[in-house]
Amino acid sequence: MSEANACGCGRSPTGKCCGWHNLSEEQYAERKAQWEAKQDAKKAAS
């Protein structure tokens, strides 16, 4: 993790720390699904 705010836990979808390392597996799965849905919506809008 040489870059500031880089995330080494492997859970961040962007590579930058977003605090997901503290989530339970269930919470992580929910947040990831929400993030993916948001990304899909952005792609559909463009």
Protein backbone atom coordinates (compact mmCIF):
# COMPACT_ATOMS: atom_id res chain seq x y z
CA MET A 1 0.00 0.00 0.00
CA SER A 2 2.30 2.69 -1.19
CA GLU A 3 -0.44 5.01 -2.42
CA ALA A 4 -2.35 7.19 0.06
CA ASN A 5 -5.79 5.75 0.89
CA ALA A 6 -4.94 2.53 -0.95
CA CYS A 7 -6.72 -0.54 0.34
CA GLY A 8 -4.96 -3.83 0.90
CA CYS A 9 -7.90 -5.89 2.17
CA GLY A 10 -9.13 -6.68 -1.34
CA ARG A 11 -12.72 -5.66 -0.69
CA SER A 12 -12.68 -2.16 -2.15
CA PRO A 13 -14.13 -2.09 -5.67
CA THR A 14 -12.01 0.94 -6.56
CA GLY A 15 -8.74 0.02 -4.86
CA LYS A 16 -9.05 2.97 -2.48
CA CYS A 17 -10.08 2.36 1.10
CA CYS A 18 -13.80 2.79 1.66
CA GLY A 19 -14.01 1.07 5.06
CA TRP A 20 -15.41 -2.22 3.81
CA HIS A 21 -12.72 -4.23 5.63
CA ASN A 22 -14.72 -3.84 8.85
CA LEU A 23 -17.95 -5.28 7.42
CA SER A 24 -19.22 -8.79 8.05
CA GLU A 25 -19.48 -11.08 5.02
CA GLU A 26 -23.23 -10.39 4.80
CA GLN A 27 -22.78 -6.63 5.05
CA TYR A 28 -19.98 -6.76 2.47
CA ALA A 29 -22.13 -8.73 0.02
CA GLU A 30 -24.96 -6.20 0.42
CA ARG A 31 -22.70 -3.17 -0.06
CA LYS A 32 -21.01 -4.78 -3.05
CA ALA A 33 -24.38 -5.52 -4.68
CA GLN A 34 -25.47 -1.91 -4.09
CA TRP A 35 -22.22 -0.58 -5.57
CA GLU A 36 -22.53 -2.85 -8.63
CA ALA A 37 -26.14 -1.77 -9.18
CA LYS A 38 -25.06 1.87 -9.02
CA GLN A 39 -22.29 1.23 -11.54
CA ASP A 40 -24.74 -0.55 -13.87
CA ALA A 41 -27.12 2.41 -13.62
CA LYS A 42 -24.30 4.79 -14.53
CA LYS A 43 -23.40 2.68 -17.58
CA ALA A 44 -27.04 2.54 -18.68
CA ALA A 45 -27.36 6.32 -18.37
CA SER A 46 -24.37 7.01 -20.58
